[in-house]
Structure formats: structure tokens, C-alpha cells
PDB file of N, CA and C in Angstrom:
ATOM      1  N   MET A   1      28.413  49.727 -19.825  1.00  0.00           N
ATOM      2  CA  MET A   1      27.379  49.827 -18.776  1.00  0.00           C
ATOM      3  C   MET A   1      26.061  49.616 -19.323  1.00  0.00           C
ATOM      4  N   THR A   2      25.310  48.783 -18.409  1.00  0.00           N
ATOM      5  CA  THR A   2      23.989  48.291 -18.897  1.00  0.00           C
ATOM      6  C   THR A   2      22.855  48.830 -17.932  1.00  0.00           C
ATOM      7  N   ASN A   3      21.739  49.295 -18.457  1.00  0.00           N
ATOM      8  CA  ASN A   3      20.716  49.814 -17.509  1.00  0.00           C
ATOM      9  C   ASN A   3      20.166  48.524 -16.924  1.00  0.00           C
ATOM     10  N   LEU A   4      20.271  48.463 -15.556  1.00  0.00           N
ATOM     11  CA  LEU A   4      19.700  47.257 -14.846  1.00  0.00           C
ATOM     12  C   LEU A   4      18.101  47.236 -14.937  1.00  0.00           C
ATOM     13  N   GLY A   5      17.424  48.317 -14.800  1.00  0.00           N
ATOM     14  CA  GLY A   5      16.036  48.187 -14.828  1.00  0.00           C
ATOM     15  C   GLY A   5      15.431  47.840 -16.085  1.00  0.00           C
ATOM     16  N   LYS A   6      16.073  48.305 -17.171  1.00  0.00           N
ATOM     17  CA  LYS A   6      15.525  47.905 -18.593  1.00  0.00           C
ATOM     18  C   LYS A   6      15.965  46.488 -18.880  1.00  0.00           C
ATOM     19  N   TYR A   7      17.054  46.108 -18.447  1.00  0.00           N
ATOM     20  CA  TYR A   7      17.606  44.655 -18.576  1.00  0.00           C
ATOM     21  C   TYR A   7      16.551  43.733 -17.906  1.00  0.00           C
ATOM     22  N   ASN A   8      16.151  44.084 -16.728  1.00  0.00           N
ATOM     23  CA  ASN A   8      15.200  43.284 -16.009  1.00  0.00           C
ATOM     24  C   ASN A   8      13.898  43.123 -16.734  1.00  0.00           C
ATOM     25  N   LYS A   9      13.496  44.148 -17.573  1.00  0.00           N
ATOM     26  CA  LYS A   9      12.309  44.196 -18.366  1.00  0.00           C
ATOM     27  C   LYS A   9      12.455  43.604 -19.697  1.00  0.00           C
ATOM     28  N   GLY A  10      13.638  42.909 -20.011  1.00  0.00           N
ATOM     29  CA  GLY A  10      13.897  42.347 -21.289  1.00  0.00           C
ATOM     30  C   GLY A  10      14.478  43.232 -22.332  1.00  0.00           C
ATOM     31  N   ARG A  11      14.946  44.391 -21.933  1.00  0.00           N
ATOM     32  CA  ARG A  11      15.622  45.253 -22.920  1.00  0.00           C
ATOM     33  C   ARG A  11      17.093  45.427 -22.650  1.00  0.00           C
ATOM     34  N   LEU A  12      17.968  45.264 -23.589  1.00  0.00           N
ATOM     35  CA  LEU A  12      19.342  45.459 -23.401  1.00  0.00           C
ATOM     36  C   LEU A  12      19.776  46.869 -23.940  1.00  0.00           C
ATOM     37  N   VAL A  13      19.946  47.655 -23.024  1.00  0.00           N
ATOM     38  CA  VAL A  13      20.327  49.026 -23.282  1.00  0.00           C
ATOM     39  C   VAL A  13      21.670  49.349 -22.648  1.00  0.00           C
ATOM     40  N   TYR A  14      22.695  49.488 -23.488  1.00  0.00           N
ATOM     41  CA  TYR A  14      24.081  49.572 -22.881  1.00  0.00           C
ATOM     42  C   TYR A  14      24.931  50.653 -23.668  1.00  0.00           C
ATOM     43  N   GLU A  15      25.952  50.981 -23.121  1.00  0.00           N
ATOM     44  CA  GLU A  15      26.914  51.924 -23.660  1.00  0.00           C
ATOM     45  C   GLU A  15      28.378  51.448 -23.376  1.00  0.00           C
ATOM     46  N   ARG A  16      29.168  51.381 -24.313  1.00  0.00           N
ATOM     47  CA  ARG A  16      30.678  51.072 -24.175  1.00  0.00           C
ATOM     48  C   ARG A  16      31.334  52.216 -23.651  1.00  0.00           C
ATOM     49  N   VAL A  17      32.197  52.100 -22.623  1.00  0.00           N
ATOM     50  CA  VAL A  17      32.961  53.163 -22.058  1.00  0.00           C
ATOM     51  C   VAL A  17      34.398  52.822 -22.176  1.00  0.00           C
ATOM     52  N   ALA A  18      35.293  53.501 -22.778  1.00  0.00           N
ATOM     53  CA  ALA A  18      36.687  53.162 -22.798  1.00  0.00           C
ATOM     54  C   ALA A  18      37.371  53.915 -21.651  1.00  0.00           C
ATOM     55  N   PHE A  19      38.282  53.154 -21.044  1.00  0.00           N
ATOM     56  CA  PHE A  19      39.009  53.840 -19.949  1.00  0.00           C
ATOM     57  C   PHE A  19      40.522  54.137 -20.430  1.00  0.00           C
ATOM     58  N   PRO A  20      41.171  55.060 -19.894  1.00  0.00           N
ATOM     59  CA  PRO A  20      40.732  55.981 -18.894  1.00  0.00           C
ATOM     60  C   PRO A  20      39.717  56.972 -19.516  1.00  0.00           C
ATOM     61  N   THR A  21      38.880  57.507 -18.602  1.00  0.00           N
ATOM     62  CA  THR A  21      37.757  58.395 -19.017  1.00  0.00           C
ATOM     63  C   THR A  21      37.659  59.501 -17.989  1.00  0.00           C
ATOM     64  N   ASP A  22      36.727  60.321 -18.155  1.00  0.00           N
ATOM     65  CA  ASP A  22      36.436  61.382 -17.176  1.00  0.00           C
ATOM     66  C   ASP A  22      34.997  61.434 -16.852  1.00  0.00           C
ATOM     67  N   THR A  23      34.602  62.220 -15.806  1.00  0.00           N
ATOM     68  CA  THR A  23      33.332  62.257 -15.178  1.00  0.00           C
ATOM     69  C   THR A  23      32.191  62.645 -16.273  1.00  0.00           C
ATOM     70  N   GLU A  24      32.586  63.660 -17.135  1.00  0.00           N
ATOM     71  CA  GLU A  24      31.604  63.937 -18.099  1.00  0.00           C
ATOM     72  C   GLU A  24      31.243  62.788 -19.093  1.00  0.00           C
ATOM     73  N   THR A  25      32.123  61.998 -19.517  1.00  0.00           N
ATOM     74  CA  THR A  25      31.927  60.860 -20.340  1.00  0.00           C
ATOM     75  C   THR A  25      31.083  59.835 -19.641  1.00  0.00           C
ATOM     76  N   ILE A  26      31.353  59.597 -18.419  1.00  0.00           N
ATOM     77  CA  ILE A  26      30.538  58.646 -17.636  1.00  0.00           C
ATOM     78  C   ILE A  26      29.041  59.096 -17.438  1.00  0.00           C
ATOM     79  N   GLN A  27      28.938  60.464 -17.168  1.00  0.00           N
ATOM     80  CA  GLN A  27      27.644  61.009 -17.082  1.00  0.00           C
ATOM     81  C   GLN A  27      26.777  60.905 -18.374  1.00  0.00           C
ATOM     82  N   ALA A  28      27.511  61.267 -19.453  1.00  0.00           N
ATOM     83  CA  ALA A  28      26.836  61.216 -20.682  1.00  0.00           C
ATOM     84  C   ALA A  28      26.508  59.817 -21.045  1.00  0.00           C
ATOM     85  N   SER A  29      27.347  58.835 -20.717  1.00  0.00           N
ATOM     86  CA  SER A  29      27.024  57.378 -21.117  1.00  0.00           C
ATOM     87  C   SER A  29      25.670  56.934 -20.236  1.00  0.00           C
ATOM     88  N   LEU A  30      25.766  57.339 -18.992  1.00  0.00           N
ATOM     89  CA  LEU A  30      24.528  57.027 -18.090  1.00  0.00           C
ATOM     90  C   LEU A  30      23.294  57.653 -18.634  1.00  0.00           C
ATOM     91  N   LYS A  31      23.403  58.801 -19.165  1.00  0.00           N
ATOM     92  CA  LYS A  31      22.122  59.467 -19.761  1.00  0.00           C
ATOM     93  C   LYS A  31      21.739  58.717 -20.994  1.00  0.00           C
ATOM     94  N   LYS A  32      22.717  58.290 -21.820  1.00  0.00           N
ATOM     95  CA  LYS A  32      22.345  57.588 -23.048  1.00  0.00           C
ATOM     96  C   LYS A  32      21.712  56.239 -22.757  1.00  0.00           C
ATOM     97  N   ILE A  33      21.963  55.662 -21.690  1.00  0.00           N
ATOM     98  CA  ILE A  33      21.307  54.340 -21.336  1.00  0.00           C
ATOM     99  C   ILE A  33      20.081  54.474 -20.377  1.00  0.00           C
ATOM    100  N   GLY A  34      19.764  55.813 -20.219  1.00  0.00           N
ATOM    101  CA  GLY A  34      18.471  56.064 -19.477  1.00  0.00           C
ATOM    102  C   GLY A  34      18.559  56.150 -17.959  1.00  0.00           C
ATOM    103  N   ILE A  35      19.793  56.174 -17.428  1.00  0.00           N
ATOM    104  CA  ILE A  35      19.863  56.273 -15.939  1.00  0.00           C
ATOM    105  C   ILE A  35      19.616  57.742 -15.638  1.00  0.00           C
ATOM    106  N   ASP A  36      18.443  57.965 -14.979  1.00  0.00           N
ATOM    107  CA  ASP A  36      18.059  59.353 -14.665  1.00  0.00           C
ATOM    108  C   ASP A  36      17.913  59.724 -13.244  1.00  0.00           C
ATOM    109  N   GLY A  37      18.145  58.637 -12.377  1.00  0.00           N
ATOM    110  CA  GLY A  37      18.084  58.793 -10.965  1.00  0.00           C
ATOM    111  C   GLY A  37      16.615  58.873 -10.528  1.00  0.00           C
ATOM    112  N   ILE A  38      15.665  58.732 -11.304  1.00  0.00           N
ATOM    113  CA  ILE A  38      14.277  58.768 -10.960  1.00  0.00           C
ATOM    114  C   ILE A  38      13.619  57.442 -11.225  1.00  0.00           C
ATOM    115  N   ARG A  39      13.397  57.244 -12.670  1.00  0.00           N
ATOM    116  CA  ARG A  39      12.827  55.872 -13.036  1.00  0.00           C
ATOM    117  C   ARG A  39      13.833  54.758 -13.093  1.00  0.00           C
ATOM    118  N   TYR A  40      15.031  55.146 -13.558  1.00  0.00           N
ATOM    119  CA  TYR A  40      16.135  54.167 -13.591  1.00  0.00           C
ATOM    120  C   TYR A  40      17.319  54.653 -12.859  1.00  0.00           C
ATOM    121  N   GLU A  41      17.742  53.862 -11.842  1.00  0.00           N
ATOM    122  CA  GLU A  41      18.851  54.426 -10.974  1.00  0.00           C
ATOM    123  C   GLU A  41      20.061  53.532 -11.098  1.00  0.00           C
ATOM    124  N   GLU A  42      19.921  52.200 -11.520  1.00  0.00           N
ATOM    125  CA  GLU A  42      21.067  51.293 -11.373  1.00  0.00           C
ATOM    126  C   GLU A  42      21.470  50.795 -12.685  1.00  0.00           C
ATOM    127  N   PHE A  43      22.784  50.496 -12.778  1.00  0.00           N
ATOM    128  CA  PHE A  43      23.395  50.053 -13.883  1.00  0.00           C
ATOM    129  C   PHE A  43      24.305  48.932 -13.465  1.00  0.00           C
ATOM    130  N   PHE A  44      24.819  48.113 -14.432  1.00  0.00           N
ATOM    131  CA  PHE A  44      25.919  47.098 -14.128  1.00  0.00           C
ATOM    132  C   PHE A  44      26.751  47.062 -15.327  1.00  0.00           C
ATOM    133  N   ILE A  45      28.017  46.537 -15.061  1.00  0.00           N
ATOM    134  CA  ILE A  45      28.974  46.349 -16.124  1.00  0.00           C
ATOM    135  C   ILE A  45      28.832  44.935 -16.697  1.00  0.00           C
ATOM    136  N   SER A  46      28.397  44.896 -17.972  1.00  0.00           N
ATOM    137  CA  SER A  46      28.019  43.587 -18.564  1.00  0.00           C
ATOM    138  C   SER A  46      29.167  42.880 -19.296  1.00  0.00           C
ATOM    139  N   ASP A  47      30.352  43.723 -19.453  1.00  0.00           N
ATOM    140  CA  ASP A  47      31.443  43.068 -20.118  1.00  0.00           C
ATOM    141  C   ASP A  47      32.674  43.903 -19.870  1.00  0.00           C
ATOM    142  N   TYR A  48      33.858  43.220 -19.882  1.00  0.00           N
ATOM    143  CA  TYR A  48      35.076  43.847 -19.841  1.00  0.00           C
ATOM    144  C   TYR A  48      35.858  43.532 -21.142  1.00  0.00           C
ATOM    145  N   ASP A  49      36.600  44.454 -21.715  1.00  0.00           N
ATOM    146  CA  ASP A  49      37.410  44.193 -22.810  1.00  0.00           C
ATOM    147  C   ASP A  49      38.655  44.886 -22.616  1.00  0.00           C
ATOM    148  N   SER A  50      39.713  44.117 -22.659  1.00  0.00           N
ATOM    149  CA  SER A  50      41.118  44.657 -22.365  1.00  0.00           C
ATOM    150  C   SER A  50      42.173  43.779 -23.023  1.00  0.00           C
ATOM    151  N   PRO A  51      43.262  44.443 -23.416  1.00  0.00           N
ATOM    152  CA  PRO A  51      44.339  43.825 -24.057  1.00  0.00           C
ATOM    153  C   PRO A  51      45.002  42.850 -22.998  1.00  0.00           C
ATOM    154  N   MET A  52      44.733  43.053 -21.775  1.00  0.00           N
ATOM    155  CA  MET A  52      45.257  42.175 -20.614  1.00  0.00           C
ATOM    156  C   MET A  52      44.026  41.694 -19.858  1.00  0.00           C
ATOM    157  N   PRO A  53      43.396  40.621 -20.350  1.00  0.00           N
ATOM    158  CA  PRO A  53      42.060  40.114 -19.753  1.00  0.00           C
ATOM    159  C   PRO A  53      42.269  39.543 -18.351  1.00  0.00           C
ATOM    160  N   GLN A  54      43.432  39.021 -17.964  1.00  0.00           N
ATOM    161  CA  GLN A  54      43.609  38.415 -16.763  1.00  0.00           C
ATOM    162  C   GLN A  54      43.173  39.166 -15.543  1.00  0.00           C
ATOM    163  N   PRO A  55      43.555  40.518 -15.425  1.00  0.00           N
ATOM    164  CA  PRO A  55      43.132  41.326 -14.216  1.00  0.00           C
ATOM    165  C   PRO A  55      41.611  41.483 -14.120  1.00  0.00           C
ATOM    166  N   TYR A  56      40.881  41.237 -15.211  1.00  0.00           N
ATOM    167  CA  TYR A  56      39.491  41.516 -15.247  1.00  0.00           C
ATOM    168  C   TYR A  56      38.684  40.342 -14.941  1.00  0.00           C
ATOM    169  N   LYS A  57      39.235  39.120 -14.992  1.00  0.00           N
ATOM    170  CA  LYS A  57      38.423  37.838 -15.018  1.00  0.00           C
ATOM    171  C   LYS A  57      37.651  37.655 -13.783  1.00  0.00           C
ATOM    172  N   ASN A  58      38.059  38.310 -12.660  1.00  0.00           N
ATOM    173  CA  ASN A  58      37.358  38.082 -11.435  1.00  0.00           C
ATOM    174  C   ASN A  58      36.512  39.153 -11.010  1.00  0.00           C
ATOM    175  N   LEU A  59      36.421  40.186 -11.868  1.00  0.00           N
ATOM    176  CA  LEU A  59      35.568  41.376 -11.542  1.00  0.00           C
ATOM    177  C   LEU A  59      34.139  41.100 -11.960  1.00  0.00           C
ATOM    178  N   GLY A  60      33.293  41.711 -11.057  1.00  0.00           N
ATOM    179  CA  GLY A  60      31.817  41.493 -11.255  1.00  0.00           C
ATOM    180  C   GLY A  60      31.214  42.697 -12.027  1.00  0.00           C
ATOM    181  N   GLY A  61      30.004  42.614 -12.027  1.00  0.00           N
ATOM    182  CA  GLY A  61      29.079  43.566 -12.744  1.00  0.00           C
ATOM    183  C   GLY A  61      28.949  44.835 -11.996  1.00  0.00           C
ATOM    184  N   TYR A  62      29.227  44.891 -10.660  1.00  0.00           N
ATOM    185  CA  TYR A  62      28.876  46.027  -9.871  1.00  0.00           C
ATOM    186  C   TYR A  62      30.201  46.632  -9.289  1.00  0.00           C
ATOM    187  N   GLU A  63      31.236  46.526 -10.019  1.00  0.00           N
ATOM    188  CA  GLU A  63      32.533  47.204  -9.451  1.00  0.00           C
ATOM    189  C   GLU A  63      32.333  48.855  -9.565  1.00  0.00           C
ATOM    190  N   SER A  64      33.036  49.518  -8.814  1.00  0.00           N
ATOM    191  CA  SER A  64      33.089  50.865  -8.735  1.00  0.00           C
ATOM    192  C   SER A  64      33.692  51.448 -10.054  1.00  0.00           C
ATOM    193  N   ILE A  65      32.833  52.394 -10.756  1.00  0.00           N
ATOM    194  CA  ILE A  65      33.482  52.990 -11.946  1.00  0.00           C
ATOM    195  C   ILE A  65      34.671  53.736 -11.597  1.00  0.00           C
ATOM    196  N   ASP A  66      34.644  54.458 -10.488  1.00  0.00           N
ATOM    197  CA  ASP A  66      35.700  55.377 -10.035  1.00  0.00           C
ATOM    198  C   ASP A  66      37.007  54.504  -9.817  1.00  0.00           C
ATOM    199  N   GLU A  67      36.836  53.361  -9.133  1.00  0.00           N
ATOM    200  CA  GLU A  67      37.924  52.471  -8.953  1.00  0.00           C
ATOM    201  C   GLU A  67      38.496  51.836 -10.231  1.00  0.00           C
ATOM    202  N   LEU A  68      37.625  51.485 -11.183  1.00  0.00           N
ATOM    203  CA  LEU A  68      38.028  50.961 -12.423  1.00  0.00           C
ATOM    204  C   LEU A  68      38.851  52.023 -13.173  1.00  0.00           C
ATOM    205  N   ALA A  69      38.337  53.220 -13.179  1.00  0.00           N
ATOM    206  CA  ALA A  69      39.106  54.328 -13.867  1.00  0.00           C
ATOM    207  C   ALA A  69      40.432  54.573 -13.319  1.00  0.00           C
ATOM    208  N   VAL A  70      40.603  54.450 -11.978  1.00  0.00           N
ATOM    209  CA  VAL A  70      41.983  54.648 -11.418  1.00  0.00           C
ATOM    210  C   VAL A  70      42.829  53.531 -11.750  1.00  0.00           C
ATOM    211  N   PHE A  71      42.331  52.263 -11.673  1.00  0.00           N
ATOM    212  CA  PHE A  71      43.010  51.106 -12.062  1.00  0.00           C
ATOM    213  C   PHE A  71      43.509  51.174 -13.491  1.00  0.00           C
ATOM    214  N   GLU A  72      42.707  51.558 -14.468  1.00  0.00           N
ATOM    215  CA  GLU A  72      43.094  51.700 -15.863  1.00  0.00           C
ATOM    216  C   GLU A  72      44.163  52.698 -15.977  1.00  0.00           C
ATOM    217  N   ALA A  73      43.992  53.799 -15.276  1.00  0.00           N
ATOM    218  CA  ALA A  73      44.991  54.891 -15.438  1.00  0.00           C
ATOM    219  C   ALA A  73      46.312  54.465 -14.915  1.00  0.00           C
ATOM    220  N   VAL A  74      46.377  53.684 -13.776  1.00  0.00           N
ATOM    221  CA  VAL A  74      47.635  53.204 -13.261  1.00  0.00           C
ATOM    222  C   VAL A  74      48.257  52.308 -14.259  1.00  0.00           C
ATOM    223  N   MET A  75      47.384  51.482 -14.814  1.00  0.00           N
ATOM    224  CA  MET A  75      47.885  50.342 -15.738  1.00  0.00           C
ATOM    225  C   MET A  75      48.454  51.023 -16.901  1.00  0.00           C
ATOM    226  N   ASP A  76      47.918  52.191 -17.411  1.00  0.00           N
ATOM    227  CA  ASP A  76      48.337  52.886 -18.559  1.00  0.00           C
ATOM    228  C   ASP A  76      49.647  53.761 -18.299  1.00  0.00           C
ATOM    229  N   SER A  77      49.758  54.077 -17.063  1.00  0.00           N
ATOM    230  CA  SER A  77      50.787  55.112 -16.632  1.00  0.00           C
ATOM    231  C   SER A  77      52.198  54.362 -16.414  1.00  0.00           C
ATOM    232  N   GLU A  78      53.190  54.832 -17.184  1.00  0.00           N
ATOM    233  CA  GLU A  78      54.456  54.390 -16.912  1.00  0.00           C
ATOM    234  C   GLU A  78      55.235  55.119 -15.883  1.00  0.00           C
ATOM    235  N   GLU A  79      54.581  56.277 -15.557  1.00  0.00           N
ATOM    236  CA  GLU A  79      55.221  57.158 -14.546  1.00  0.00           C
ATOM    237  C   GLU A  79      55.082  56.514 -13.170  1.00  0.00           C
ATOM    238  N   TYR A  80      53.999  55.841 -12.840  1.00  0.00           N
ATOM    239  CA  TYR A  80      53.752  55.356 -11.491  1.00  0.00           C
ATOM    240  C   TYR A  80      53.846  53.856 -11.425  1.00  0.00           C
ATOM    241  N   ALA A  81      53.782  53.200 -12.564  1.00  0.00           N
ATOM    242  CA  ALA A  81      53.823  51.668 -12.470  1.00  0.00           C
ATOM    243  C   ALA A  81      54.735  51.098 -13.556  1.00  0.00           C
ATOM    244  N   ARG A  82      55.999  51.090 -13.089  1.00  0.00           N
ATOM    245  CA  ARG A  82      57.029  50.522 -13.949  1.00  0.00           C
ATOM    246  C   ARG A  82      57.320  49.121 -13.872  1.00  0.00           C
ATOM    247  N   SER A  83      56.671  48.434 -12.810  1.00  0.00           N
ATOM    248  CA  SER A  83      56.906  47.055 -12.592  1.00  0.00           C
ATOM    249  C   SER A  83      55.546  46.434 -11.920  1.00  0.00           C
ATOM    250  N   VAL A  84      55.625  45.146 -11.911  1.00  0.00           N
ATOM    251  CA  VAL A  84      54.554  44.465 -11.234  1.00  0.00           C
ATOM    252  C   VAL A  84      54.589  44.846  -9.680  1.00  0.00           C
ATOM    253  N   LYS A  85      55.607  44.971  -9.118  1.00  0.00           N
ATOM    254  CA  LYS A  85      55.838  45.465  -7.664  1.00  0.00           C
ATOM    255  C   LYS A  85      55.117  46.771  -7.509  1.00  0.00           C
ATOM    256  N   ASP A  86      55.411  47.760  -8.471  1.00  0.00           N
ATOM    257  CA  ASP A  86      54.717  49.024  -8.366  1.00  0.00           C
ATOM    258  C   ASP A  86      53.249  48.957  -8.311  1.00  0.00           C
ATOM    259  N   LEU A  87      52.605  48.062  -9.298  1.00  0.00           N
ATOM    260  CA  LEU A  87      51.327  47.903  -9.342  1.00  0.00           C
ATOM    261  C   LEU A  87      50.706  47.362  -8.058  1.00  0.00           C
ATOM    262  N   ILE A  88      51.390  46.322  -7.449  1.00  0.00           N
ATOM    263  CA  ILE A  88      50.996  45.799  -6.280  1.00  0.00           C
ATOM    264  C   ILE A  88      50.924  46.850  -5.161  1.00  0.00           C
ATOM    265  N   ASN A  89      52.012  47.725  -5.116  1.00  0.00           N
ATOM    266  CA  ASN A  89      52.117  48.573  -4.045  1.00  0.00           C
ATOM    267  C   ASN A  89      50.982  49.708  -4.233  1.00  0.00           C
ATOM    268  N   LEU A  90      50.719  50.149  -5.532  1.00  0.00           N
ATOM    269  CA  LEU A  90      49.659  51.061  -5.739  1.00  0.00           C
ATOM    270  C   LEU A  90      48.231  50.445  -5.296  1.00  0.00           C
ATOM    271  N   SER A  91      48.110  49.218  -5.412  1.00  0.00           N
ATOM    272  CA  SER A  91      46.778  48.563  -5.131  1.00  0.00           C
ATOM    273  C   SER A  91      46.599  48.527  -3.573  1.00  0.00           C
ATOM    274  N   HIS A  92      47.554  48.750  -2.773  1.00  0.00           N
ATOM    275  CA  HIS A  92      47.466  48.800  -1.323  1.00  0.00           C
ATOM    276  C   HIS A  92      47.345  50.280  -0.787  1.00  0.00           C
ATOM    277  N   MET A  93      47.320  51.111  -1.625  1.00  0.00           N
ATOM    278  CA  MET A  93      47.187  52.608  -1.181  1.00  0.00           C
ATOM    279  C   MET A  93      45.809  53.000  -0.873  1.00  0.00           C
TER     280      MET A  93
END
């Protein structure tokens, strides 16, 4: 995650976040990059790194962190996604 306001001022301030994650980790990462809800409110996703890059190639910088976390959890879960068909069905829920 990258601080958009600082990026627009020429400063690259970012934090790598591994998924699956939790709310506390996301909040701590936002704090580290200076997202305080007052001076800096916006961030963007500057890069995706995954052993399966294909699902990420069409994602943009402003994807929902919550939705990405769910997607990663489903991809990692053998309980709910045992096949491509299961993944497709889960994506329509």
C-alpha cells in the first residue's frame, strides 16, 4: 500500500502487506505510511506479488482491501475451494 498524497508530492512511502491478513495489520500498515485520516487519507496498491500472478494482472491500484483479503483467503482455503468451479461459484456470492 502506498500513501497517495505523499506519492503525488514525489515521496514513495509504502508498506508491503501479505494476505491473508487482519484488520489490526492493515491499520498498522496505514499508520506506518502516514494515513491518518486528516492530512493523508488516500492510499493505493502499487504492486501485487503472488505465486499465481494471472488473477492479479487486471487488478488496479484502488481495489478494496477487504475484498482482496477475502479473495486471498478463498484461494488459500482448501475447505471452500477445491476446484476452479468452486472458486467461480464463490466469486458470485
